[in-house]
Amino acid sequence: MSNFTKKSKDPYVGCKSNTIWPTGMKPPIAQYQRKITEIVYTCSITKRKFKPSQMPMEWFNQPQIQQFVKQGWEMTKEYVIQEPFKQPKYGENEELIEVFRLKRPYQKRGNLGAGFKSVGESIPTMPVQEFAPENAKPVTMEDYKNMEDMDDKLPREPGEEDDWDEQF
């Protein structure tokens, strides 16, 4: 069995609309529509029904919903596009549901456990490496002048020749 304690799952606190049907049109024309007088929202906690004119304030101000608000839950508005439970006789096989929902605010999880190290602790530090050997000497201007004498003389113009071929 696992060492982790199972947290209880948060309840679904939302108010869903009934189905809003697809029009079959493409944007910018509305893709879903329903008469506003036909839309009814249902609360998941109290099962009470609301008209669009009562949303979201009347639903939000219910004492059962205010319990979650006082705990710091935040309201979001969501749209769910899904296949309907009952196959429609005409049109596309999808429906839109509008949802007003309360969610627990996101909390960053701290350290995952005592056995884990941070990235800085898990990567070992290496000593600083010197690039020059111990017997190296700094380069002086005289060294640069000696290097100029070592350079091959390349022809500067197309007509000039060099002594390259004569070396062999």
C-alpha atoms as a PDB file:
ATOM      1  CA  MET A   1       0.000   0.000   0.000  1.00  0.00           C
ATOM      2  CA  SER A   2       1.146   3.545  -0.679  1.00  0.00           C
ATOM      3  CA  ASN A   3       2.719   5.729   1.984  1.00  0.00           C
ATOM      4  CA  PHE A   4       0.799   8.764   0.757  1.00  0.00           C
ATOM      5  CA  THR A   5      -2.441   9.742   2.443  1.00  0.00           C
ATOM      6  CA  LYS A   6      -5.263  10.133  -0.043  1.00  0.00           C
ATOM      7  CA  LYS A   7      -6.765  13.613   0.005  1.00  0.00           C
ATOM      8  CA  SER A   8     -10.502  13.916  -0.282  1.00  0.00           C
ATOM      9  CA  LYS A   9     -11.573  15.297  -3.625  1.00  0.00           C
ATOM     10  CA  ASP A  10     -13.110  18.777  -3.651  1.00  0.00           C
ATOM     11  CA  PRO A  11     -16.826  18.902  -4.395  1.00  0.00           C
ATOM     12  CA  TYR A  12     -17.967  20.190  -7.785  1.00  0.00           C
ATOM     13  CA  VAL A  13     -19.429  23.618  -7.076  1.00  0.00           C
ATOM     14  CA  GLY A  14     -20.996  24.932 -10.239  1.00  0.00           C
ATOM     15  CA  CYS A  15     -24.117  26.145 -11.953  1.00  0.00           C
ATOM     16  CA  LYS A  16     -24.641  24.666 -15.427  1.00  0.00           C
ATOM     17  CA  SER A  17     -26.899  25.828 -18.204  1.00  0.00           C
ATOM     18  CA  ASN A  18     -29.015  23.470 -20.195  1.00  0.00           C
ATOM     19  CA  THR A  19     -27.967  22.664 -23.771  1.00  0.00           C
ATOM     20  CA  ILE A  20     -27.122  25.452 -26.200  1.00  0.00           C
ATOM     21  CA  TRP A  21     -27.425  24.005 -29.702  1.00  0.00           C
ATOM     22  CA  PRO A  22     -24.987  24.369 -32.616  1.00  0.00           C
ATOM     23  CA  THR A  23     -26.128  26.490 -35.566  1.00  0.00           C
ATOM     24  CA  GLY A  24     -23.871  24.791 -38.119  1.00  0.00           C
ATOM     25  CA  MET A  25     -22.421  28.190 -39.072  1.00  0.00           C
ATOM     26  CA  LYS A  26     -18.771  29.245 -38.998  1.00  0.00           C
ATOM     27  CA  PRO A  27     -17.363  32.348 -37.252  1.00  0.00           C
ATOM     28  CA  PRO A  28     -17.961  35.300 -37.268  1.00  0.00           C
ATOM     29  CA  ILE A  29     -21.585  34.074 -37.259  1.00  0.00           C
ATOM     30  CA  ALA A  30     -22.668  32.514 -33.940  1.00  0.00           C
ATOM     31  CA  GLN A  31     -21.832  28.818 -33.743  1.00  0.00           C
ATOM     32  CA  TYR A  32     -24.237  28.077 -30.848  1.00  0.00           C
ATOM     33  CA  GLN A  33     -27.543  29.669 -29.932  1.00  0.00           C
ATOM     34  CA  ARG A  34     -30.689  29.277 -27.862  1.00  0.00           C
ATOM     35  CA  LYS A  35     -33.443  31.685 -26.906  1.00  0.00           C
ATOM     36  CA  ILE A  36     -32.578  33.385 -23.637  1.00  0.00           C
ATOM     37  CA  THR A  37     -36.021  32.539 -22.252  1.00  0.00           C
ATOM     38  CA  GLU A  38     -35.278  28.812 -22.691  1.00  0.00           C
ATOM     39  CA  ILE A  39     -31.945  28.774 -20.847  1.00  0.00           C
ATOM     40  CA  VAL A  40     -32.072  27.437 -17.294  1.00  0.00           C
ATOM     41  CA  TYR A  41     -29.086  27.112 -14.941  1.00  0.00           C
ATOM     42  CA  THR A  42     -29.009  24.360 -12.290  1.00  0.00           C
ATOM     43  CA  CYS A  43     -26.866  24.540  -9.138  1.00  0.00           C
ATOM     44  CA  SER A  44     -24.821  21.403  -8.421  1.00  0.00           C
ATOM     45  CA  ILE A  45     -25.037  21.895  -4.634  1.00  0.00           C
ATOM     46  CA  THR A  46     -28.626  23.031  -3.983  1.00  0.00           C
ATOM     47  CA  LYS A  47     -30.217  21.745  -7.258  1.00  0.00           C
ATOM     48  CA  ARG A  48     -32.029  25.111  -7.427  1.00  0.00           C
ATOM     49  CA  LYS A  49     -32.828  26.468 -10.911  1.00  0.00           C
ATOM     50  CA  PHE A  50     -31.967  30.004 -12.074  1.00  0.00           C
ATOM     51  CA  LYS A  51     -32.883  32.226 -15.029  1.00  0.00           C
ATOM     52  CA  PRO A  52     -30.105  34.000 -16.959  1.00  0.00           C
ATOM     53  CA  SER A  53     -31.160  37.311 -15.349  1.00  0.00           C
ATOM     54  CA  GLN A  54     -30.409  35.800 -11.907  1.00  0.00           C
ATOM     55  CA  MET A  55     -26.938  34.592 -12.856  1.00  0.00           C
ATOM     56  CA  PRO A  56     -24.375  34.764 -11.397  1.00  0.00           C
ATOM     57  CA  MET A  57     -25.207  36.997  -8.404  1.00  0.00           C
ATOM     58  CA  GLU A  58     -28.254  35.210  -6.975  1.00  0.00           C
ATOM     59  CA  TRP A  59     -26.515  31.842  -7.250  1.00  0.00           C
ATOM     60  CA  PHE A  60     -23.292  33.291  -5.808  1.00  0.00           C
ATOM     61  CA  ASN A  61     -25.069  34.828  -2.779  1.00  0.00           C
ATOM     62  CA  GLN A  62     -26.674  31.562  -1.591  1.00  0.00           C
ATOM     63  CA  PRO A  63     -25.442  30.582   1.916  1.00  0.00           C
ATOM     64  CA  GLN A  64     -24.330  27.126   0.693  1.00  0.00           C
ATOM     65  CA  ILE A  65     -22.158  28.755  -2.011  1.00  0.00           C
ATOM     66  CA  GLN A  66     -20.863  31.478   0.329  1.00  0.00           C
ATOM     67  CA  GLN A  67     -19.296  28.769   2.525  1.00  0.00           C
ATOM     68  CA  PHE A  68     -16.867  28.025  -0.299  1.00  0.00           C
ATOM     69  CA  VAL A  69     -16.311  31.731  -1.068  1.00  0.00           C
ATOM     70  CA  LYS A  70     -15.302  32.362   2.560  1.00  0.00           C
ATOM     71  CA  GLN A  71     -12.719  29.558   2.237  1.00  0.00           C
ATOM     72  CA  GLY A  72     -11.111  31.499  -0.643  1.00  0.00           C
ATOM     73  CA  TRP A  73     -12.578  29.669  -3.647  1.00  0.00           C
ATOM     74  CA  GLU A  74     -12.637  31.721  -6.847  1.00  0.00           C
ATOM     75  CA  MET A  75     -15.381  31.916  -9.472  1.00  0.00           C
ATOM     76  CA  THR A  76     -14.619  31.033 -13.088  1.00  0.00           C
ATOM     77  CA  LYS A  77     -16.769  30.901 -16.197  1.00  0.00           C
ATOM     78  CA  GLU A  78     -16.310  27.844 -18.400  1.00  0.00           C
ATOM     79  CA  TYR A  79     -17.757  26.512 -21.627  1.00  0.00           C
ATOM     80  CA  VAL A  80     -18.026  22.779 -22.231  1.00  0.00           C
ATOM     81  CA  ILE A  81     -18.487  21.452 -25.767  1.00  0.00           C
ATOM     82  CA  GLN A  82     -19.473  17.806 -25.613  1.00  0.00           C
ATOM     83  CA  GLU A  83     -21.451  15.088 -27.316  1.00  0.00           C
ATOM     84  CA  PRO A  84     -25.026  15.116 -26.013  1.00  0.00           C
ATOM     85  CA  PHE A  85     -26.315  12.173 -23.985  1.00  0.00           C
ATOM     86  CA  LYS A  86     -29.171  11.828 -26.456  1.00  0.00           C
ATOM     87  CA  GLN A  87     -28.362  11.802 -30.186  1.00  0.00           C
ATOM     88  CA  PRO A  88     -29.991  14.832 -31.883  1.00  0.00           C
ATOM     89  CA  LYS A  89     -32.444  14.183 -34.685  1.00  0.00           C
ATOM     90  CA  TYR A  90     -30.998  16.989 -36.839  1.00  0.00           C
ATOM     91  CA  GLY A  91     -27.724  18.911 -36.954  1.00  0.00           C
ATOM     92  CA  GLU A  92     -24.317  18.287 -35.461  1.00  0.00           C
ATOM     93  CA  ASN A  93     -23.670  15.803 -32.684  1.00  0.00           C
ATOM     94  CA  GLU A  94     -22.438  18.335 -30.109  1.00  0.00           C
ATOM     95  CA  GLU A  95     -23.761  20.758 -27.549  1.00  0.00           C
ATOM     96  CA  LEU A  96     -22.448  23.720 -25.556  1.00  0.00           C
ATOM     97  CA  ILE A  97     -22.907  24.012 -21.788  1.00  0.00           C
ATOM     98  CA  GLU A  98     -22.154  27.313 -20.019  1.00  0.00           C
ATOM     99  CA  VAL A  99     -20.854  26.874 -16.459  1.00  0.00           C
ATOM    100  CA  PHE A 100     -20.299  29.285 -13.577  1.00  0.00           C
ATOM    101  CA  ARG A 101     -17.954  27.427 -11.242  1.00  0.00           C
ATOM    102  CA  LEU A 102     -16.134  27.882  -7.958  1.00  0.00           C
ATOM    103  CA  LYS A 103     -12.624  26.426  -7.752  1.00  0.00           C
ATOM    104  CA  ARG A 104     -10.108  26.226  -4.978  1.00  0.00           C
ATOM    105  CA  PRO A 105      -7.273  28.641  -5.821  1.00  0.00           C
ATOM    106  CA  TYR A 106      -4.072  27.074  -7.122  1.00  0.00           C
ATOM    107  CA  GLN A 107      -1.477  26.612  -4.422  1.00  0.00           C
ATOM    108  CA  LYS A 108       2.075  25.857  -5.347  1.00  0.00           C
ATOM    109  CA  ARG A 109       3.140  22.585  -3.832  1.00  0.00           C
ATOM    110  CA  GLY A 110       6.255  23.045  -1.772  1.00  0.00           C
ATOM    111  CA  ASN A 111       8.969  20.485  -1.341  1.00  0.00           C
ATOM    112  CA  LEU A 112       7.747  17.096  -2.550  1.00  0.00           C
ATOM    113  CA  GLY A 113       9.384  15.228   0.287  1.00  0.00           C
ATOM    114  CA  ALA A 114      12.262  15.089   2.693  1.00  0.00           C
ATOM    115  CA  GLY A 115      14.241  12.746   0.439  1.00  0.00           C
ATOM    116  CA  PHE A 116      14.499  15.163  -2.496  1.00  0.00           C
ATOM    117  CA  LYS A 117      17.347  17.626  -2.930  1.00  0.00           C
ATOM    118  CA  SER A 118      17.204  20.972  -4.673  1.00  0.00           C
ATOM    119  CA  VAL A 119      18.957  21.282  -8.036  1.00  0.00           C
ATOM    120  CA  GLY A 120      21.822  23.244  -6.452  1.00  0.00           C
ATOM    121  CA  GLU A 121      22.398  20.484  -3.909  1.00  0.00           C
ATOM    122  CA  SER A 122      22.202  17.621  -6.390  1.00  0.00           C
ATOM    123  CA  ILE A 123      24.799  18.992  -8.865  1.00  0.00           C
ATOM    124  CA  PRO A 124      28.292  18.765  -7.379  1.00  0.00           C
ATOM    125  CA  THR A 125      30.469  21.867  -7.554  1.00  0.00           C
ATOM    126  CA  MET A 126      33.730  21.539  -9.470  1.00  0.00           C
ATOM    127  CA  PRO A 127      36.922  23.426  -8.569  1.00  0.00           C
ATOM    128  CA  VAL A 128      37.811  26.332 -10.837  1.00  0.00           C
ATOM    129  CA  GLN A 129      40.114  25.111 -13.581  1.00  0.00           C
ATOM    130  CA  GLU A 130      43.025  27.222 -14.730  1.00  0.00           C
ATOM    131  CA  PHE A 131      43.563  27.250 -18.467  1.00  0.00           C
ATOM    132  CA  ALA A 132      47.284  28.082 -18.545  1.00  0.00           C
ATOM    133  CA  PRO A 133      49.905  25.565 -17.402  1.00  0.00           C
ATOM    134  CA  GLU A 134      52.058  26.435 -14.384  1.00  0.00           C
ATOM    135  CA  ASN A 135      55.171  27.197 -16.469  1.00  0.00           C
ATOM    136  CA  ALA A 136      53.361  29.588 -18.882  1.00  0.00           C
ATOM    137  CA  LYS A 137      54.754  33.103 -19.377  1.00  0.00           C
ATOM    138  CA  PRO A 138      52.729  36.160 -20.383  1.00  0.00           C
ATOM    139  CA  VAL A 139      52.992  37.231 -24.044  1.00  0.00           C
ATOM    140  CA  THR A 140      55.002  40.421 -24.640  1.00  0.00           C
ATOM    141  CA  MET A 141      55.245  42.854 -27.580  1.00  0.00           C
ATOM    142  CA  GLU A 142      58.613  41.363 -28.501  1.00  0.00           C
ATOM    143  CA  ASP A 143      56.940  37.976 -28.930  1.00  0.00           C
ATOM    144  CA  TYR A 144      54.466  39.526 -31.358  1.00  0.00           C
ATOM    145  CA  LYS A 145      57.312  40.998 -33.433  1.00  0.00           C
ATOM    146  CA  ASN A 146      59.037  37.601 -33.620  1.00  0.00           C
ATOM    147  CA  MET A 147      55.781  36.055 -34.798  1.00  0.00           C
ATOM    148  CA  GLU A 148      55.571  38.515 -37.711  1.00  0.00           C
ATOM    149  CA  ASP A 149      58.876  37.182 -39.007  1.00  0.00           C
ATOM    150  CA  MET A 150      57.439  33.663 -38.987  1.00  0.00           C
ATOM    151  CA  ASP A 151      54.446  34.492 -41.184  1.00  0.00           C
ATOM    152  CA  ASP A 152      54.490  33.251 -44.768  1.00  0.00           C
ATOM    153  CA  LYS A 153      54.544  36.030 -47.297  1.00  0.00           C
ATOM    154  CA  LEU A 154      51.558  35.667 -49.562  1.00  0.00           C
ATOM    155  CA  PRO A 155      51.385  37.363 -52.971  1.00  0.00           C
ATOM    156  CA  ARG A 156      49.562  40.680 -52.660  1.00  0.00           C
ATOM    157  CA  GLU A 157      48.720  41.120 -56.325  1.00  0.00           C
ATOM    158  CA  PRO A 158      47.852  38.573 -59.025  1.00  0.00           C
ATOM    159  CA  GLY A 159      51.132  39.126 -60.890  1.00  0.00           C
ATOM    160  CA  GLU A 160      53.472  38.612 -57.946  1.00  0.00           C
ATOM    161  CA  GLU A 161      54.995  35.175 -57.391  1.00  0.00           C
ATOM    162  CA  ASP A 162      56.366  33.654 -54.232  1.00  0.00           C
ATOM    163  CA  ASP A 163      59.191  31.199 -53.577  1.00  0.00           C
ATOM    164  CA  TRP A 164      56.890  28.340 -52.667  1.00  0.00           C
ATOM    165  CA  ASP A 165      57.619  26.135 -55.689  1.00  0.00           C
ATOM    166  CA  GLU A 166      61.385  26.613 -55.334  1.00  0.00           C
ATOM    167  CA  GLN A 167      61.407  24.988 -51.891  1.00  0.00           C
ATOM    168  CA  PHE A 168      60.914  21.512 -53.370  1.00  0.00           C
END
